[in-house]
């Protein structure tokens, strides 16, 4: 399945709780705008091969930043961001 990275970037959205979740899981203290900028930059820099759709979510793995971003494939809402080992 071909994933449209541009469509994700154009439609990505966040809930109030996900900002707190991202800061907590990544041990950051970013503002909402900083988080949005960071996530957008990671998505732009990540090669298409590291975008995976499984069930109702996209999983984007970025080894340079050691994170995996989970995005709902219908609403394009960020669900969480986890550190990877």
PDB file of N, CA and C in Angstrom:
ATOM      1  N   UNK A   1       0.841  -1.191   0.000  1.00  0.00           N
ATOM      2  CA  UNK A   1       0.000   0.000   0.000  1.00  0.00           C
ATOM      3  C   UNK A   1       0.877   1.242   0.000  1.00  0.00           C
ATOM      4  N   UNK A   2       0.531   2.171  -0.854  1.00  0.00           N
ATOM      5  CA  UNK A   2       1.288   3.411  -0.964  1.00  0.00           C
ATOM      6  C   UNK A   2       0.723   4.451  -0.002  1.00  0.00           C
ATOM      7  N   UNK A   3       1.573   4.987   0.860  1.00  0.00           N
ATOM      8  CA  UNK A   3       1.140   5.981   1.840  1.00  0.00           C
ATOM      9  C   UNK A   3       1.526   7.362   1.329  1.00  0.00           C
ATOM     10  N   UNK A   4       0.573   8.285   1.357  1.00  0.00           N
ATOM     11  CA  UNK A   4       0.805   9.641   0.875  1.00  0.00           C
ATOM     12  C   UNK A   4       1.298  10.514   2.029  1.00  0.00           C
ATOM     13  N   UNK A   5       2.611  10.695   2.094  1.00  0.00           N
ATOM     14  CA  UNK A   5       3.212  11.479   3.176  1.00  0.00           C
ATOM     15  C   UNK A   5       2.725  12.925   3.148  1.00  0.00           C
ATOM     16  N   UNK A   6       2.557  13.492   1.957  1.00  0.00           N
ATOM     17  CA  UNK A   6       2.083  14.871   1.836  1.00  0.00           C
ATOM     18  C   UNK A   6       0.683  15.030   2.417  1.00  0.00           C
ATOM     19  N   UNK A   7      -0.176  14.039   2.183  1.00  0.00           N
ATOM     20  CA  UNK A   7      -1.534  14.092   2.727  1.00  0.00           C
ATOM     21  C   UNK A   7      -1.502  14.080   4.260  1.00  0.00           C
ATOM     22  N   UNK A   8      -0.614  13.279   4.818  1.00  0.00           N
ATOM     23  CA  UNK A   8      -0.468  13.243   6.278  1.00  0.00           C
ATOM     24  C   UNK A   8      -0.012  14.611   6.784  1.00  0.00           C
ATOM     25  N   UNK A   9       1.008  15.178   6.160  1.00  0.00           N
ATOM     26  CA  UNK A   9       1.540  16.482   6.586  1.00  0.00           C
ATOM     27  C   UNK A   9       0.500  17.593   6.486  1.00  0.00           C
ATOM     28  N   UNK A  10      -0.329  17.546   5.463  1.00  0.00           N
ATOM     29  CA  UNK A  10      -1.334  18.596   5.263  1.00  0.00           C
ATOM     30  C   UNK A  10      -2.502  18.482   6.235  1.00  0.00           C
ATOM     31  N   UNK A  11      -2.771  17.274   6.722  1.00  0.00           N
ATOM     32  CA  UNK A  11      -3.970  17.045   7.527  1.00  0.00           C
ATOM     33  C   UNK A  11      -3.707  16.704   8.985  1.00  0.00           C
ATOM     34  N   UNK A  12      -2.455  16.605   9.375  1.00  0.00           N
ATOM     35  CA  UNK A  12      -2.124  16.196  10.733  1.00  0.00           C
ATOM     36  C   UNK A  12      -2.752  17.148  11.753  1.00  0.00           C
ATOM     37  N   UNK A  13      -3.262  16.570  12.844  1.00  0.00           N
ATOM     38  CA  UNK A  13      -3.877  17.382  13.897  1.00  0.00           C
ATOM     39  C   UNK A  13      -3.586  16.752  15.252  1.00  0.00           C
ATOM     40  N   UNK A  14      -3.897  17.489  16.290  1.00  0.00           N
ATOM     41  CA  UNK A  14      -3.531  17.101  17.650  1.00  0.00           C
ATOM     42  C   UNK A  14      -4.698  17.357  18.597  1.00  0.00           C
ATOM     43  N   UNK A  15      -4.759  16.585  19.674  1.00  0.00           N
ATOM     44  CA  UNK A  15      -5.687  16.874  20.760  1.00  0.00           C
ATOM     45  C   UNK A  15      -4.895  17.567  21.862  1.00  0.00           C
ATOM     46  N   UNK A  16      -5.582  18.179  22.780  1.00  0.00           N
ATOM     47  CA  UNK A  16      -4.906  18.839  23.901  1.00  0.00           C
ATOM     48  C   UNK A  16      -4.076  17.842  24.701  1.00  0.00           C
ATOM     49  N   UNK A  17      -4.624  16.656  24.918  1.00  0.00           N
ATOM     50  CA  UNK A  17      -3.935  15.656  25.737  1.00  0.00           C
ATOM     51  C   UNK A  17      -2.675  15.110  25.077  1.00  0.00           C
ATOM     52  N   UNK A  18      -2.643  15.061  23.751  1.00  0.00           N
ATOM     53  CA  UNK A  18      -1.482  14.470  23.084  1.00  0.00           C
ATOM     54  C   UNK A  18      -0.235  15.332  23.254  1.00  0.00           C
ATOM     55  N   UNK A  19      -0.395  16.643  23.381  1.00  0.00           N
ATOM     56  CA  UNK A  19       0.779  17.503  23.615  1.00  0.00           C
ATOM     57  C   UNK A  19       1.459  17.097  24.925  1.00  0.00           C
ATOM     58  N   UNK A  20       0.655  16.926  25.960  1.00  0.00           N
ATOM     59  CA  UNK A  20       1.191  16.511  27.257  1.00  0.00           C
ATOM     60  C   UNK A  20       1.814  15.118  27.164  1.00  0.00           C
ATOM     61  N   UNK A  21       1.159  14.225  26.447  1.00  0.00           N
ATOM     62  CA  UNK A  21       1.642  12.852  26.296  1.00  0.00           C
ATOM     63  C   UNK A  21       2.997  12.824  25.590  1.00  0.00           C
ATOM     64  N   UNK A  22       3.135  13.628  24.539  1.00  0.00           N
ATOM     65  CA  UNK A  22       4.402  13.676  23.796  1.00  0.00           C
ATOM     66  C   UNK A  22       5.520  14.203  24.690  1.00  0.00           C
ATOM     67  N   UNK A  23       5.259  15.294  25.390  1.00  0.00           N
ATOM     68  CA  UNK A  23       6.282  15.836  26.285  1.00  0.00           C
ATOM     69  C   UNK A  23       6.681  14.815  27.348  1.00  0.00           C
ATOM     70  N   UNK A  24       5.701  14.118  27.904  1.00  0.00           N
ATOM     71  CA  UNK A  24       5.987  13.147  28.960  1.00  0.00           C
ATOM     72  C   UNK A  24       6.788  11.951  28.422  1.00  0.00           C
ATOM     73  N   UNK A  25       6.338  11.392  27.302  1.00  0.00           N
ATOM     74  CA  UNK A  25       6.994  10.195  26.769  1.00  0.00           C
ATOM     75  C   UNK A  25       8.396  10.476  26.236  1.00  0.00           C
ATOM     76  N   UNK A  26       8.623  11.682  25.728  1.00  0.00           N
ATOM     77  CA  UNK A  26       9.942  12.016  25.185  1.00  0.00           C
ATOM     78  C   UNK A  26      10.786  12.820  26.166  1.00  0.00           C
ATOM     79  N   UNK A  27      10.243  13.039  27.359  1.00  0.00           N
ATOM     80  CA  UNK A  27      10.940  13.807  28.391  1.00  0.00           C
ATOM     81  C   UNK A  27      11.337  15.195  27.875  1.00  0.00           C
ATOM     82  N   UNK A  28      10.339  15.901  27.335  1.00  0.00           N
ATOM     83  CA  UNK A  28      10.535  17.239  26.777  1.00  0.00           C
ATOM     84  C   UNK A  28       9.663  18.235  27.527  1.00  0.00           C
ATOM     85  N   UNK A  29       9.870  19.502  27.230  1.00  0.00           N
ATOM     86  CA  UNK A  29       8.972  20.539  27.752  1.00  0.00           C
ATOM     87  C   UNK A  29       8.692  21.539  26.629  1.00  0.00           C
ATOM     88  N   UNK A  30       8.288  20.997  25.479  1.00  0.00           N
ATOM     89  CA  UNK A  30       7.997  21.815  24.305  1.00  0.00           C
ATOM     90  C   UNK A  30       6.615  22.463  24.413  1.00  0.00           C
ATOM     91  N   UNK A  31       6.487  23.621  23.786  1.00  0.00           N
ATOM     92  CA  UNK A  31       5.178  24.254  23.635  1.00  0.00           C
ATOM     93  C   UNK A  31       4.413  23.508  22.539  1.00  0.00           C
ATOM     94  N   UNK A  32       3.151  23.816  22.389  1.00  0.00           N
ATOM     95  CA  UNK A  32       2.340  23.178  21.342  1.00  0.00           C
ATOM     96  C   UNK A  32       2.953  23.422  19.968  1.00  0.00           C
ATOM     97  N   UNK A  33       3.347  24.661  19.713  1.00  0.00           N
ATOM     98  CA  UNK A  33       3.940  25.003  18.410  1.00  0.00           C
ATOM     99  C   UNK A  33       5.257  24.268  18.186  1.00  0.00           C
ATOM    100  N   UNK A  34       6.058  24.145  19.229  1.00  0.00           N
ATOM    101  CA  UNK A  34       7.329  23.426  19.108  1.00  0.00           C
ATOM    102  C   UNK A  34       7.096  21.953  18.800  1.00  0.00           C
ATOM    103  N   UNK A  35       6.100  21.360  19.436  1.00  0.00           N
ATOM    104  CA  UNK A  35       5.765  19.961  19.162  1.00  0.00           C
ATOM    105  C   UNK A  35       5.311  19.797  17.720  1.00  0.00           C
ATOM    106  N   UNK A  36       4.426  20.671  17.268  1.00  0.00           N
ATOM    107  CA  UNK A  36       3.927  20.597  15.897  1.00  0.00           C
ATOM    108  C   UNK A  36       5.062  20.741  14.887  1.00  0.00           C
ATOM    109  N   UNK A  37       5.962  21.668  15.139  1.00  0.00           N
ATOM    110  CA  UNK A  37       7.103  21.881  14.249  1.00  0.00           C
ATOM    111  C   UNK A  37       8.023  20.658  14.256  1.00  0.00           C
ATOM    112  N   UNK A  38       8.288  20.118  15.439  1.00  0.00           N
ATOM    113  CA  UNK A  38       9.144  18.948  15.581  1.00  0.00           C
ATOM    114  C   UNK A  38       8.558  17.751  14.831  1.00  0.00           C
ATOM    115  N   UNK A  39       7.275  17.473  15.043  1.00  0.00           N
ATOM    116  CA  UNK A  39       6.630  16.327  14.395  1.00  0.00           C
ATOM    117  C   UNK A  39       6.627  16.511  12.877  1.00  0.00           C
ATOM    118  N   UNK A  40       6.304  17.701  12.411  1.00  0.00           N
ATOM    119  CA  UNK A  40       6.296  17.969  10.970  1.00  0.00           C
ATOM    120  C   UNK A  40       7.682  17.747  10.374  1.00  0.00           C
ATOM    121  N   UNK A  41       8.709  18.221  11.053  1.00  0.00           N
ATOM    122  CA  UNK A  41      10.084  18.058  10.567  1.00  0.00           C
ATOM    123  C   UNK A  41      10.471  16.583  10.516  1.00  0.00           C
ATOM    124  N   UNK A  42      10.123  15.845  11.555  1.00  0.00           N
ATOM    125  CA  UNK A  42      10.426  14.406  11.583  1.00  0.00           C
ATOM    126  C   UNK A  42       9.718  13.698  10.427  1.00  0.00           C
ATOM    127  N   UNK A  43       8.448  14.013  10.209  1.00  0.00           N
ATOM    128  CA  UNK A  43       7.701  13.381   9.123  1.00  0.00           C
ATOM    129  C   UNK A  43       8.320  13.706   7.764  1.00  0.00           C
ATOM    130  N   UNK A  44       8.726  14.951   7.564  1.00  0.00           N
ATOM    131  CA  UNK A  44       9.340  15.358   6.293  1.00  0.00           C
ATOM    132  C   UNK A  44      10.656  14.629   6.059  1.00  0.00           C
ATOM    133  N   UNK A  45      11.445  14.465   7.113  1.00  0.00           N
ATOM    134  CA  UNK A  45      12.776  13.868   6.994  1.00  0.00           C
ATOM    135  C   UNK A  45      12.743  12.344   6.898  1.00  0.00           C
ATOM    136  N   UNK A  46      11.666  11.733   7.340  1.00  0.00           N
ATOM    137  CA  UNK A  46      11.582  10.276   7.362  1.00  0.00           C
ATOM    138  C   UNK A  46      11.291   9.739   5.967  1.00  0.00           C
ATOM    139  N   UNK A  47      12.083   8.770   5.538  1.00  0.00           N
ATOM    140  CA  UNK A  47      11.884   8.162   4.230  1.00  0.00           C
ATOM    141  C   UNK A  47      10.561   7.396   4.196  1.00  0.00           C
ATOM    142  N   UNK A  48       9.957   7.368   3.023  1.00  0.00           N
ATOM    143  CA  UNK A  48       8.650   6.721   2.845  1.00  0.00           C
ATOM    144  C   UNK A  48       8.637   5.271   3.306  1.00  0.00           C
ATOM    145  N   UNK A  49       9.752   4.579   3.180  1.00  0.00           N
ATOM    146  CA  UNK A  49       9.821   3.171   3.552  1.00  0.00           C
ATOM    147  C   UNK A  49       9.567   2.954   5.046  1.00  0.00           C
ATOM    148  N   UNK A  50       9.721   4.004   5.856  1.00  0.00           N
ATOM    149  CA  UNK A  50       9.505   3.901   7.297  1.00  0.00           C
ATOM    150  C   UNK A  50       8.099   4.327   7.719  1.00  0.00           C
ATOM    151  N   UNK A  51       7.200   4.516   6.746  1.00  0.00           N
ATOM    152  CA  UNK A  51       5.785   4.780   7.001  1.00  0.00           C
ATOM    153  C   UNK A  51       5.051   3.456   6.799  1.00  0.00           C
ATOM    154  N   UNK A  52       4.337   3.009   7.822  1.00  0.00           N
ATOM    155  CA  UNK A  52       3.624   1.743   7.757  1.00  0.00           C
ATOM    156  C   UNK A  52       2.180   1.960   8.172  1.00  0.00           C
ATOM    157  N   UNK A  53       1.255   1.387   7.403  1.00  0.00           N
ATOM    158  CA  UNK A  53      -0.154   1.412   7.810  1.00  0.00           C
ATOM    159  C   UNK A  53      -0.507   0.022   8.305  1.00  0.00           C
ATOM    160  N   UNK A  54      -0.984  -0.031   9.534  1.00  0.00           N
ATOM    161  CA  UNK A  54      -1.393  -1.300  10.132  1.00  0.00           C
ATOM    162  C   UNK A  54      -2.731  -1.056  10.816  1.00  0.00           C
ATOM    163  N   UNK A  55      -3.781  -1.694  10.308  1.00  0.00           N
ATOM    164  CA  UNK A  55      -5.117  -1.463  10.858  1.00  0.00           C
ATOM    165  C   UNK A  55      -5.544  -0.033  10.583  1.00  0.00           C
ATOM    166  N   UNK A  56      -5.958   0.663  11.639  1.00  0.00           N
ATOM    167  CA  UNK A  56      -6.470   2.027  11.461  1.00  0.00           C
ATOM    168  C   UNK A  56      -5.406   3.101  11.687  1.00  0.00           C
ATOM    169  N   UNK A  57      -4.153   2.705  11.862  1.00  0.00           N
ATOM    170  CA  UNK A  57      -3.114   3.683  12.177  1.00  0.00           C
ATOM    171  C   UNK A  57      -1.944   3.650  11.203  1.00  0.00           C
ATOM    172  N   UNK A  58      -1.285   4.807  11.113  1.00  0.00           N
ATOM    173  CA  UNK A  58       0.013   4.907  10.470  1.00  0.00           C
ATOM    174  C   UNK A  58       1.055   4.862  11.578  1.00  0.00           C
ATOM    175  N   UNK A  59       2.155   4.178  11.318  1.00  0.00           N
ATOM    176  CA  UNK A  59       3.278   4.134  12.246  1.00  0.00           C
ATOM    177  C   UNK A  59       4.494   4.643  11.490  1.00  0.00           C
ATOM    178  N   UNK A  60       5.080   5.709  11.998  1.00  0.00           N
ATOM    179  CA  UNK A  60       6.226   6.326  11.344  1.00  0.00           C
ATOM    180  C   UNK A  60       7.429   6.167  12.265  1.00  0.00           C
ATOM    181  N   UNK A  61       8.422   5.422  11.793  1.00  0.00           N
ATOM    182  CA  UNK A  61       9.617   5.171  12.590  1.00  0.00           C
ATOM    183  C   UNK A  61      10.760   6.032  12.081  1.00  0.00           C
ATOM    184  N   UNK A  62      11.318   6.832  12.977  1.00  0.00           N
ATOM    185  CA  UNK A  62      12.439   7.699  12.627  1.00  0.00           C
ATOM    186  C   UNK A  62      13.620   7.340  13.524  1.00  0.00           C
ATOM    187  N   UNK A  63      14.597   6.650  12.938  1.00  0.00           N
ATOM    188  CA  UNK A  63      15.736   6.159  13.709  1.00  0.00           C
ATOM    189  C   UNK A  63      16.689   7.273  14.127  1.00  0.00           C
ATOM    190  N   UNK A  64      16.761   8.342  13.357  1.00  0.00           N
ATOM    191  CA  UNK A  64      17.649   9.456  13.703  1.00  0.00           C
ATOM    192  C   UNK A  64      17.238  10.097  15.026  1.00  0.00           C
ATOM    193  N   UNK A  65      15.922  10.197  15.263  1.00  0.00           N
ATOM    194  CA  UNK A  65      15.408  10.782  16.498  1.00  0.00           C
ATOM    195  C   UNK A  65      14.983   9.721  17.511  1.00  0.00           C
ATOM    196  N   UNK A  66      15.126   8.448  17.132  1.00  0.00           N
ATOM    197  CA  UNK A  66      14.749   7.314  17.985  1.00  0.00           C
ATOM    198  C   UNK A  66      13.302   7.388  18.469  1.00  0.00           C
ATOM    199  N   UNK A  67      12.393   7.679  17.543  1.00  0.00           N
ATOM    200  CA  UNK A  67      10.981   7.765  17.909  1.00  0.00           C
ATOM    201  C   UNK A  67      10.106   7.042  16.894  1.00  0.00           C
ATOM    202  N   UNK A  68       8.918   6.659  17.357  1.00  0.00           N
ATOM    203  CA  UNK A  68       7.871   6.123  16.498  1.00  0.00           C
ATOM    204  C   UNK A  68       6.615   6.956  16.747  1.00  0.00           C
ATOM    205  N   UNK A  69       6.070   7.508  15.679  1.00  0.00           N
ATOM    206  CA  UNK A  69       4.871   8.344  15.754  1.00  0.00           C
ATOM    207  C   UNK A  69       3.680   7.499  15.311  1.00  0.00           C
ATOM    208  N   UNK A  70       2.610   7.495  16.101  1.00  0.00           N
ATOM    209  CA  UNK A  70       1.384   6.790  15.755  1.00  0.00           C
ATOM    210  C   UNK A  70       0.332   7.826  15.379  1.00  0.00           C
ATOM    211  N   UNK A  71      -0.230   7.679  14.177  1.00  0.00           N
ATOM    212  CA  UNK A  71      -1.212   8.635  13.645  1.00  0.00           C
ATOM    213  C   UNK A  71      -2.434   7.862  13.173  1.00  0.00           C
ATOM    214  N   UNK A  72      -3.622   8.317  13.540  1.00  0.00           N
ATOM    215  CA  UNK A  72      -4.858   7.701  13.068  1.00  0.00           C
ATOM    216  C   UNK A  72      -4.970   7.937  11.559  1.00  0.00           C
ATOM    217  N   UNK A  73      -5.202   6.868  10.795  1.00  0.00           N
ATOM    218  CA  UNK A  73      -5.205   6.974   9.332  1.00  0.00           C
ATOM    219  C   UNK A  73      -6.473   7.594   8.764  1.00  0.00           C
ATOM    220  N   UNK A  74      -7.511   7.708   9.564  1.00  0.00           N
ATOM    221  CA  UNK A  74      -8.757   8.322   9.098  1.00  0.00           C
ATOM    222  C   UNK A  74      -8.797   9.810   9.405  1.00  0.00           C
ATOM    223  N   UNK A  75      -8.458  10.165  10.645  1.00  0.00           N
ATOM    224  CA  UNK A  75      -8.547  11.566  11.083  1.00  0.00           C
ATOM    225  C   UNK A  75      -7.216  12.305  10.996  1.00  0.00           C
ATOM    226  N   UNK A  76      -6.118  11.576  10.810  1.00  0.00           N
ATOM    227  CA  UNK A  76      -4.756  12.126  10.796  1.00  0.00           C
ATOM    228  C   UNK A  76      -4.387  12.767  12.130  1.00  0.00           C
ATOM    229  N   UNK A  77      -5.026  12.312  13.183  1.00  0.00           N
ATOM    230  CA  UNK A  77      -4.742  12.814  14.529  1.00  0.00           C
ATOM    231  C   UNK A  77      -3.581  12.035  15.125  1.00  0.00           C
ATOM    232  N   UNK A  78      -2.604  12.771  15.679  1.00  0.00           N
ATOM    233  CA  UNK A  78      -1.483  12.113  16.336  1.00  0.00           C
ATOM    234  C   UNK A  78      -2.015  11.449  17.599  1.00  0.00           C
ATOM    235  N   UNK A  79      -1.707  10.178  17.768  1.00  0.00           N
ATOM    236  CA  UNK A  79      -2.159   9.434  18.940  1.00  0.00           C
ATOM    237  C   UNK A  79      -1.084   9.457  20.012  1.00  0.00           C
ATOM    238  N   UNK A  80       0.150   9.151  19.617  1.00  0.00           N
ATOM    239  CA  UNK A  80       1.246   9.172  20.571  1.00  0.00           C
ATOM    240  C   UNK A  80       2.573   9.172  19.840  1.00  0.00           C
ATOM    241  N   UNK A  81       3.622   9.433  20.578  1.00  0.00           N
ATOM    242  CA  UNK A  81       4.995   9.346  20.084  1.00  0.00           C
ATOM    243  C   UNK A  81       5.782   8.586  21.134  1.00  0.00           C
ATOM    244  N   UNK A  82       6.444   7.517  20.722  1.00  0.00           N
ATOM    245  CA  UNK A  82       7.212   6.701  21.658  1.00  0.00           C
ATOM    246  C   UNK A  82       8.687   6.691  21.286  1.00  0.00           C
ATOM    247  N   UNK A  83       9.526   6.559  22.313  1.00  0.00           N
ATOM    248  CA  UNK A  83      10.954   6.332  22.070  1.00  0.00           C
ATOM    249  C   UNK A  83      11.126   4.904  21.610  1.00  0.00           C
ATOM    250  N   UNK A  84      12.096   4.699  20.738  1.00  0.00           N
ATOM    251  CA  UNK A  84      12.436   3.334  20.314  1.00  0.00           C
ATOM    252  C   UNK A  84      13.855   3.033  20.753  1.00  0.00           C
ATOM    253  N   UNK A  85      14.134   1.763  20.929  1.00  0.00           N
ATOM    254  CA  UNK A  85      15.483   1.366  21.393  1.00  0.00           C
ATOM    255  C   UNK A  85      16.387   1.102  20.210  1.00  0.00           C
TER     256      UNK A  85
END
